[in-house]
């Protein structure tokens, strides 16, 4: 019997929907949802300018922290590469010496072969994996001359040392590979932080950028005011110290002058003369460091850079004190340990000023509450108040020489 049901038109049925009315409603809902998802977020959903500013500042801080980690890994990698190169050169030289010792033993074997003495033993020795095991046999050692025994001993020693150095070189190569992987990871982390910060800034409107610039200017003015206040306090303190010194000299009288100001000064004023001498020596070095730093003003900040065309913060301070004949470590984490910590109020030109609890930024103090530093990506080496990010951001002040 023929079926009376109408055949369905192919391609008109939506899976899971059996009526045109339901299909239309479902498709309409999907369209509305799509429009909602594609619609621009409302103003209420956008972060405030203050939130964007804080996020960007945090990202730059994180990038600077990652930069210092990158610098540390890079320095470690450089040292390891030098060590590996040295080990490989040593292995090559030891291998050459080992081959020469083997040739000498070969000449002994050839001589024994020509005379018909001890051929099996010699051949066994040359083919043995462990020569020492073979030479422990008394009968062979008894047949050897003093020169031959010395050659064998030298060969065994050279072989052992060469194998040890090869093992050491292999391990160092593995460590170097791990460090290179860490270096790539640190580099990717920095780039990601900076990319995110740039993306956030690019989304600001012109009006928001203007407001942000105004806020930055207000912050800068407050930092300058704090620097001037510190300069005044330091000047007053210096004047008080000089007055006390003059008073002390006046009370000492002519008889105490030589003890107070002479080269030894051990009996009159032990607290002033050595200090004055040390201050003079430090000031001379600091002057060279500051001259170098000033010459870099205007050069761009580039993370991981140590000059001469660009710098990051620790690269600049390292280069400045290198110009003064003082070798500083590469990273802020190590530089903060490379000197004597002093109070902010006692800071002198040339001192290093470190920032934040994680010690991720540094500048070189130039006096009057000001410093020279490489601030962050997108900026240039410049003079700025040490209070540029607020007084609470200062971690410590270190005198490196």
Protein backbone atom coordinates (compact mmCIF):
# COMPACT_ATOMS: atom_id res chain seq x y z
CA UNK A 1 0.00 0.00 0.00
CA UNK A 2 1.38 3.38 -0.96
CA UNK A 3 2.15 5.87 1.77
CA UNK A 4 -0.06 8.99 2.01
CA UNK A 5 2.56 11.03 3.96
CA UNK A 6 4.14 13.91 2.13
CA UNK A 7 7.84 13.68 1.55
CA UNK A 8 9.98 16.24 3.45
CA UNK A 9 11.82 18.89 1.58
CA UNK A 10 15.56 18.30 2.11
CA UNK A 11 17.54 20.94 3.98
CA UNK A 12 14.63 22.79 5.65
CA UNK A 13 14.68 21.08 9.04
CA UNK A 14 16.84 22.52 11.79
CA UNK A 15 18.22 19.81 14.09
CA UNK A 16 16.13 19.53 17.22
CA UNK A 17 13.36 21.91 15.94
CA UNK A 18 10.21 20.38 14.49
CA UNK A 19 8.06 23.40 13.55
CA UNK A 20 8.71 26.52 11.50
CA UNK A 21 7.44 28.71 14.33
CA UNK A 22 9.91 27.29 16.82
CA UNK A 23 12.71 27.48 14.29
CA UNK A 24 11.98 31.14 13.61
CA UNK A 25 11.90 31.94 17.33
CA UNK A 26 15.14 30.11 17.98
CA UNK A 27 16.94 31.79 15.11
CA UNK A 28 15.69 35.17 16.27
CA UNK A 29 17.05 34.47 19.78
CA UNK A 30 20.42 33.47 18.36
CA UNK A 31 20.58 36.65 16.32
CA UNK A 32 19.73 38.78 19.35
CA UNK A 33 22.38 36.99 21.43
CA UNK A 34 24.95 37.52 18.70
CA UNK A 35 24.15 41.23 18.53
CA UNK A 36 24.48 41.46 22.31
CA UNK A 37 27.83 39.70 22.29
CA UNK A 38 29.17 41.86 19.44
CA UNK A 39 27.92 45.13 20.84
CA UNK A 40 30.49 47.53 22.30
CA UNK A 41 30.62 47.46 26.10
CA UNK A 42 28.81 50.22 27.88
CA UNK A 43 30.66 53.00 29.68
CA UNK A 44 29.81 51.31 32.94
CA UNK A 45 31.77 48.22 31.85
CA UNK A 46 34.94 50.14 30.97
CA UNK A 47 37.65 50.46 33.64
CA UNK A 48 38.15 53.91 35.07
CA UNK A 49 41.14 56.01 34.13
CA UNK A 50 42.56 55.45 37.61
CA UNK A 51 42.20 51.69 37.19
CA UNK A 52 43.94 51.80 33.82
CA UNK A 53 46.74 53.93 35.25
CA UNK A 54 47.25 51.54 38.15
CA UNK A 55 47.17 48.51 35.85
CA UNK A 56 49.71 50.05 33.48
CA UNK A 57 52.00 51.04 36.38
CA UNK A 58 51.75 47.52 37.78
CA UNK A 59 52.57 46.03 34.38
CA UNK A 60 55.64 48.23 34.02
CA UNK A 61 56.74 47.27 37.52
CA UNK A 62 56.26 43.60 36.70
CA UNK A 63 58.15 44.06 33.43
CA UNK A 64 61.02 45.72 35.28
CA UNK A 65 61.09 42.86 37.77
CA UNK A 66 61.13 40.37 34.88
CA UNK A 67 63.89 42.41 33.26
CA UNK A 68 66.12 42.08 36.32
CA UNK A 69 65.48 38.32 36.34
CA UNK A 70 66.34 38.28 32.64
CA UNK A 71 69.56 40.18 33.38
CA UNK A 72 70.49 37.68 36.10
CA UNK A 73 69.87 34.68 33.84
CA UNK A 74 71.73 36.33 30.97
CA UNK A 75 74.75 36.98 33.18
CA UNK A 76 74.64 33.38 34.41
CA UNK A 77 74.36 32.10 30.85
CA UNK A 78 77.34 34.17 29.74
CA UNK A 79 79.49 32.78 32.55
CA UNK A 80 78.38 29.23 31.81
CA UNK A 81 79.13 29.64 28.12
CA UNK A 82 82.66 30.78 28.96
CA UNK A 83 83.07 27.83 31.30
CA UNK A 84 81.85 25.39 28.66
CA UNK A 85 84.23 26.87 26.09
CA UNK A 86 87.11 26.57 28.54
CA UNK A 87 86.22 22.96 29.34
CA UNK A 88 85.92 22.02 25.68
CA UNK A 89 89.33 23.57 24.95
CA UNK A 90 90.78 21.64 27.90
CA UNK A 91 89.23 18.39 26.67
CA UNK A 92 90.67 18.97 23.20
CA UNK A 93 94.16 19.51 24.64
CA UNK A 94 93.87 16.47 26.90
CA UNK A 95 92.67 14.35 24.00
CA UNK A 96 95.72 15.43 21.99
CA UNK A 97 98.00 14.50 24.90
CA UNK A 98 96.20 11.18 25.25
CA UNK A 99 96.70 10.43 21.57
CA UNK A 100 100.40 11.21 21.91
CA UNK A 101 100.65 8.83 24.87
CA UNK A 102 98.84 6.18 22.84
CA UNK A 103 101.31 6.63 19.98
CA UNK A 104 104.21 6.19 22.38
CA UNK A 105 102.70 2.97 23.67
CA UNK A 106 102.19 1.91 20.06
CA UNK A 107 105.89 2.34 19.39
CA UNK A 108 106.63 0.06 22.36
CA UNK A 109 104.23 -2.52 20.99
CA UNK A 110 105.86 -2.34 17.57
CA UNK A 111 109.29 -2.84 19.11
CA UNK A 112 108.06 -5.87 21.04
CA UNK A 113 106.54 -7.28 17.89
CA UNK A 114 109.82 -6.93 15.99
CA UNK A 115 111.72 -8.71 18.74
CA UNK A 116 109.00 -11.33 19.13
CA UNK A 117 108.55 -10.62 22.84
CA UNK A 118 105.20 -10.17 24.55
CA UNK A 119 103.11 -9.63 21.43
CA UNK A 120 99.89 -11.11 22.84
CA UNK A 121 100.11 -9.07 26.03
CA UNK A 122 100.78 -5.80 24.20
CA UNK A 123 98.03 -6.35 21.70
CA UNK A 124 95.64 -7.17 24.50
CA UNK A 125 96.64 -3.97 26.28
CA UNK A 126 95.99 -1.78 23.23
CA UNK A 127 92.58 -3.31 22.72
CA UNK A 128 91.53 -3.35 26.37
CA UNK A 129 88.74 -1.07 27.59
CA UNK A 130 90.40 -0.70 30.98
CA UNK A 131 94.20 -0.54 30.64
CA UNK A 132 94.75 -0.42 34.40
CA UNK A 133 93.02 -3.74 34.90
CA UNK A 134 95.31 -5.33 32.37
CA UNK A 135 98.51 -3.80 33.73
CA UNK A 136 97.73 -5.05 37.19
CA UNK A 137 99.00 -8.40 35.96
CA UNK A 138 102.49 -8.83 37.38
CA UNK A 139 103.94 -10.76 34.46
CA UNK A 140 103.48 -7.87 32.02
CA UNK A 141 104.70 -5.23 34.44
CA UNK A 142 107.78 -7.29 35.15
CA UNK A 143 108.72 -7.31 31.44
CA UNK A 144 108.40 -3.53 31.08
CA UNK A 145 111.30 -1.11 31.27
CA UNK A 146 111.16 1.96 33.51
CA UNK A 147 110.38 4.19 30.54
CA UNK A 148 107.59 1.92 29.39
CA UNK A 149 106.05 1.82 32.84
CA UNK A 150 106.17 5.63 33.04
CA UNK A 151 104.46 5.83 29.64
CA UNK A 152 101.74 3.45 30.77
CA UNK A 153 101.17 5.38 33.99
CA UNK A 154 100.97 8.61 32.06
CA UNK A 155 98.51 7.11 29.60
CA UNK A 156 96.22 5.81 32.35
CA UNK A 157 96.32 9.16 34.15
CA UNK A 158 95.61 11.11 30.97
CA UNK A 159 92.74 8.82 30.05
CA UNK A 160 91.12 9.15 33.47
CA UNK A 161 91.45 12.94 33.55
CA UNK A 162 90.18 13.30 30.01
CA UNK A 163 87.10 11.20 30.74
CA UNK A 164 86.40 13.28 33.85
CA UNK A 165 86.70 16.54 31.93
CA UNK A 166 84.45 15.22 29.17
CA UNK A 167 81.84 14.37 31.79
CA UNK A 168 82.16 17.83 33.34
CA UNK A 169 81.82 19.50 29.94
CA UNK A 170 78.71 17.44 29.16
CA UNK A 171 77.08 18.45 32.46
CA UNK A 172 77.97 22.11 31.89
CA UNK A 173 76.44 21.98 28.42
CA UNK A 174 73.21 20.61 29.91
CA UNK A 175 73.16 23.39 32.49
CA UNK A 176 73.81 25.96 29.79
CA UNK A 177 70.88 24.63 27.78
CA UNK A 178 68.61 24.95 30.82
CA UNK A 179 69.79 28.53 31.37
CA UNK A 180 69.14 29.40 27.75
CA UNK A 181 65.59 28.07 28.12
CA UNK A 182 65.15 30.20 31.25
CA UNK A 183 66.46 33.18 29.32
CA UNK A 184 63.85 32.71 26.61
CA UNK A 185 61.10 32.41 29.22
CA UNK A 186 62.21 35.58 31.01
CA UNK A 187 62.37 37.45 27.72
CA UNK A 188 58.87 36.32 26.74
CA UNK A 189 57.55 37.42 30.14
CA UNK A 190 58.94 40.93 29.72
CA UNK A 191 57.59 41.25 26.21
CA UNK A 192 54.13 40.09 27.27
CA UNK A 193 53.93 42.59 30.15
CA UNK A 194 55.02 45.46 27.93
CA UNK A 195 52.64 44.45 25.14
CA UNK A 196 49.70 44.38 27.56
CA UNK A 197 50.62 47.80 28.93
CA UNK A 198 50.85 49.30 25.44
CA UNK A 199 47.51 47.77 24.52
CA UNK A 200 45.82 49.31 27.56
CA UNK A 201 47.27 52.74 26.78
CA UNK A 202 46.21 52.52 23.15
CA UNK A 203 42.58 52.15 24.18
CA UNK A 204 42.50 55.48 26.04
CA UNK A 205 40.73 58.36 24.38
CA UNK A 206 42.49 61.65 23.71
CA UNK A 207 40.65 63.23 26.63
CA UNK A 208 41.70 60.38 28.95
CA UNK A 209 45.31 60.67 27.85
CA UNK A 210 45.21 64.40 28.59
CA UNK A 211 43.81 63.73 32.06
CA UNK A 212 46.45 61.10 32.66
CA UNK A 213 49.19 63.52 31.60
CA UNK A 214 47.80 66.15 33.96
CA UNK A 215 47.81 63.67 36.83
CA UNK A 216 51.40 62.71 36.03
CA UNK A 217 52.41 66.38 36.03
CA UNK A 218 50.80 66.92 39.41
CA UNK A 219 52.63 63.87 40.73
CA UNK A 220 55.90 65.20 39.31
CA UNK A 221 55.41 68.59 40.97
CA UNK A 222 54.87 66.91 44.34
CA UNK A 223 58.02 64.83 43.81
CA UNK A 224 60.03 67.98 43.03
CA UNK A 225 58.65 69.63 46.17
CA UNK A 226 59.74 66.65 48.27
CA UNK A 227 63.19 66.74 46.65
CA UNK A 228 63.56 70.43 47.51
CA UNK A 229 62.55 69.69 51.08
CA UNK A 230 65.20 66.96 51.34
CA UNK A 231 67.80 69.31 49.83
CA UNK A 232 66.97 71.93 52.48
CA UNK A 233 67.26 69.38 55.28
CA UNK A 234 70.59 68.13 53.96
CA UNK A 235 71.94 71.67 53.65
CA UNK A 236 70.92 72.44 57.23
CA UNK A 237 72.50 69.23 58.44
CA UNK A 238 75.73 69.94 56.58
CA UNK A 239 75.89 73.45 57.99
CA UNK A 240 75.35 72.09 61.51
CA UNK A 241 78.16 69.56 61.05
CA UNK A 242 80.54 72.22 59.75
CA UNK A 243 79.67 74.51 62.64
CA UNK A 244 80.33 71.69 65.11
CA UNK A 245 83.67 71.02 63.42
CA UNK A 246 84.67 74.66 63.63
CA UNK A 247 83.63 74.76 67.27
CA UNK A 248 85.68 71.66 68.01
CA UNK A 249 88.75 73.13 66.32
CA UNK A 250 88.35 76.37 68.23
CA UNK A 251 88.13 74.52 71.55
CA UNK A 252 91.17 72.38 70.69
CA UNK A 253 93.34 75.46 70.32
CA UNK A 254 96.69 75.75 68.46
CA UNK A 255 98.19 72.78 70.31
CA UNK A 256 95.49 70.42 69.09
CA UNK A 257 95.48 71.59 65.49
CA UNK A 258 98.05 69.10 64.25
CA UNK A 259 96.19 66.20 65.85
CA UNK A 260 92.87 67.29 64.40
CA UNK A 261 93.93 68.02 60.86
CA UNK A 262 97.21 66.18 60.35
CA UNK A 263 97.53 63.04 58.21
CA UNK A 264 97.49 60.69 61.19
CA UNK A 265 95.10 62.53 63.50
CA UNK A 266 94.98 59.55 65.81
CA UNK A 267 95.11 61.38 69.15
CA UNK A 268 93.23 64.60 68.50
CA UNK A 269 90.16 63.80 66.42
CA UNK A 270 89.95 60.25 65.15
CA UNK A 271 86.35 60.73 64.02
CA UNK A 272 86.92 63.61 61.59
CA UNK A 273 90.20 63.01 59.78
CA UNK A 274 89.61 59.45 58.46
CA UNK A 275 86.05 60.38 57.58
CA UNK A 276 87.21 63.46 55.70
CA UNK A 277 89.76 61.40 53.79
CA UNK A 278 87.20 58.71 52.95
CA UNK A 279 84.66 61.33 51.88
CA UNK A 280 87.22 62.95 49.61
CA UNK A 281 88.09 59.62 47.95
CA UNK A 282 84.44 58.73 47.48
CA UNK A 283 83.58 62.15 46.11
CA UNK A 284 86.31 61.84 43.46
CA UNK A 285 84.93 58.49 42.29
CA UNK A 286 81.34 59.69 42.49
CA UNK A 287 82.18 62.67 40.29
CA UNK A 288 83.36 60.32 37.53
CA UNK A 289 80.26 58.15 37.91
CA UNK A 290 77.97 61.18 37.69
CA UNK A 291 79.82 62.55 34.66
CA UNK A 292 79.16 59.28 32.88
CA UNK A 293 75.51 59.21 33.92
CA UNK A 294 74.92 62.78 32.75
CA UNK A 295 76.44 61.94 29.37
CA UNK A 296 73.75 59.26 28.90
CA UNK A 297 70.78 61.61 29.46
CA UNK A 298 68.40 61.41 26.52
CA UNK A 299 69.27 57.83 25.57
CA UNK A 300 66.31 55.42 25.47
CA UNK A 301 65.42 52.87 28.09
CA UNK A 302 65.66 49.37 26.62
CA UNK A 303 65.20 46.39 28.88
CA UNK A 304 68.33 44.28 29.23
CA UNK A 305 70.53 47.00 27.69
CA UNK A 306 73.92 48.02 29.10
CA UNK A 307 74.88 50.72 26.59
CA UNK A 308 76.34 52.47 24.87
CA UNK A 309 73.22 53.50 22.92
CA UNK A 310 70.54 52.47 25.43
CA UNK A 311 70.20 51.30 29.02
CA UNK A 312 67.93 49.72 31.55
CA UNK A 313 68.09 50.99 35.14
CA UNK A 314 70.78 48.68 36.52
CA UNK A 315 72.73 48.76 33.27
CA UNK A 316 73.05 52.55 33.66
CA UNK A 317 74.24 52.44 37.28
CA UNK A 318 76.66 49.63 36.50
CA UNK A 319 78.11 51.61 33.59
CA UNK A 320 78.36 54.80 35.64
CA UNK A 321 80.39 53.26 38.43
CA UNK A 322 82.48 51.26 35.98
CA UNK A 323 83.59 54.61 34.59
CA UNK A 324 84.78 55.42 38.12
CA UNK A 325 86.77 52.20 38.34
CA UNK A 326 84.26 50.36 40.53
CA UNK A 327 82.81 47.04 39.36
CA UNK A 328 79.15 46.58 40.27
CA UNK A 329 77.07 43.42 39.74
CA UNK A 330 74.58 43.40 36.86
CA UNK A 331 71.24 43.27 38.66
CA UNK A 332 69.50 45.47 41.22
CA UNK A 333 69.23 42.45 43.53
CA UNK A 334 73.02 42.19 43.67
CA UNK A 335 73.85 45.90 43.44
CA UNK A 336 71.90 46.61 46.63
CA UNK A 337 74.38 44.35 48.45
CA UNK A 338 77.46 45.97 46.91
CA UNK A 339 78.04 48.74 49.39
CA UNK A 340 77.09 50.40 52.65
CA UNK A 341 73.47 51.28 53.35
CA UNK A 342 72.86 54.85 54.50
CA UNK A 343 69.77 56.83 55.44
CA UNK A 344 68.00 58.82 52.74
CA UNK A 345 68.83 62.01 54.66
CA UNK A 346 72.54 61.04 54.47
CA UNK A 347 72.55 60.39 50.71
CA UNK A 348 75.53 61.81 48.83
CA UNK A 349 76.06 62.30 45.09
CA UNK A 350 76.99 58.97 43.55
CA UNK A 351 74.95 56.85 45.97
CA UNK A 352 72.55 54.32 44.52
CA UNK A 353 68.86 54.74 45.31
CA UNK A 354 66.81 51.54 45.17
CA UNK A 355 63.04 51.33 44.86
CA UNK A 356 60.17 49.02 45.82
CA UNK A 357 60.04 46.07 48.16
CA UNK A 358 61.26 43.69 45.47
CA UNK A 359 64.20 46.03 44.62
CA UNK A 360 63.42 46.22 40.92
CA UNK A 361 64.59 49.77 40.16
CA UNK A 362 67.67 51.88 40.83
CA UNK A 363 69.02 55.33 40.07
CA UNK A 364 72.21 57.24 40.88
CA UNK A 365 71.82 60.14 43.31
CA UNK A 366 73.11 63.53 42.13
CA UNK A 367 72.21 65.63 45.18
CA UNK A 368 69.35 67.90 46.22
CA UNK A 369 66.88 65.02 46.25
CA UNK A 370 67.44 64.30 42.55
CA UNK A 371 68.82 61.34 40.63
CA UNK A 372 69.65 60.18 37.12
CA UNK A 373 67.92 56.99 36.07
CA UNK A 374 66.48 55.01 33.16
CA UNK A 375 62.80 54.97 34.22
CA UNK A 376 60.89 52.46 32.08
CA UNK A 377 60.15 51.40 28.48
CA UNK A 378 59.08 54.29 26.27
CA UNK A 379 61.13 56.80 28.27
CA UNK A 380 64.67 58.14 28.22
CA UNK A 381 67.51 58.47 30.70
CA UNK A 382 66.76 61.64 32.67
CA UNK A 383 67.13 63.59 35.89
CA UNK A 384 64.22 63.14 38.25
CA UNK A 385 63.25 63.44 41.89
CA UNK A 386 63.93 60.34 43.98
CA UNK A 387 60.32 60.78 45.14
CA UNK A 388 59.02 60.32 41.59
CA UNK A 389 56.85 57.40 42.69
CA UNK A 390 56.23 58.55 46.24
CA UNK A 391 58.38 58.46 49.34
CA UNK A 392 57.16 54.98 50.27
CA UNK A 393 58.60 53.54 47.05
CA UNK A 394 62.20 54.18 48.21
CA UNK A 395 63.69 50.92 49.44
CA UNK A 396 67.19 51.99 50.44
CA UNK A 397 70.25 54.08 49.64
CA UNK A 398 73.61 52.33 49.14
CA UNK A 399 77.11 53.81 48.90
CA UNK A 400 78.99 51.50 46.53
CA UNK A 401 82.63 52.58 46.91
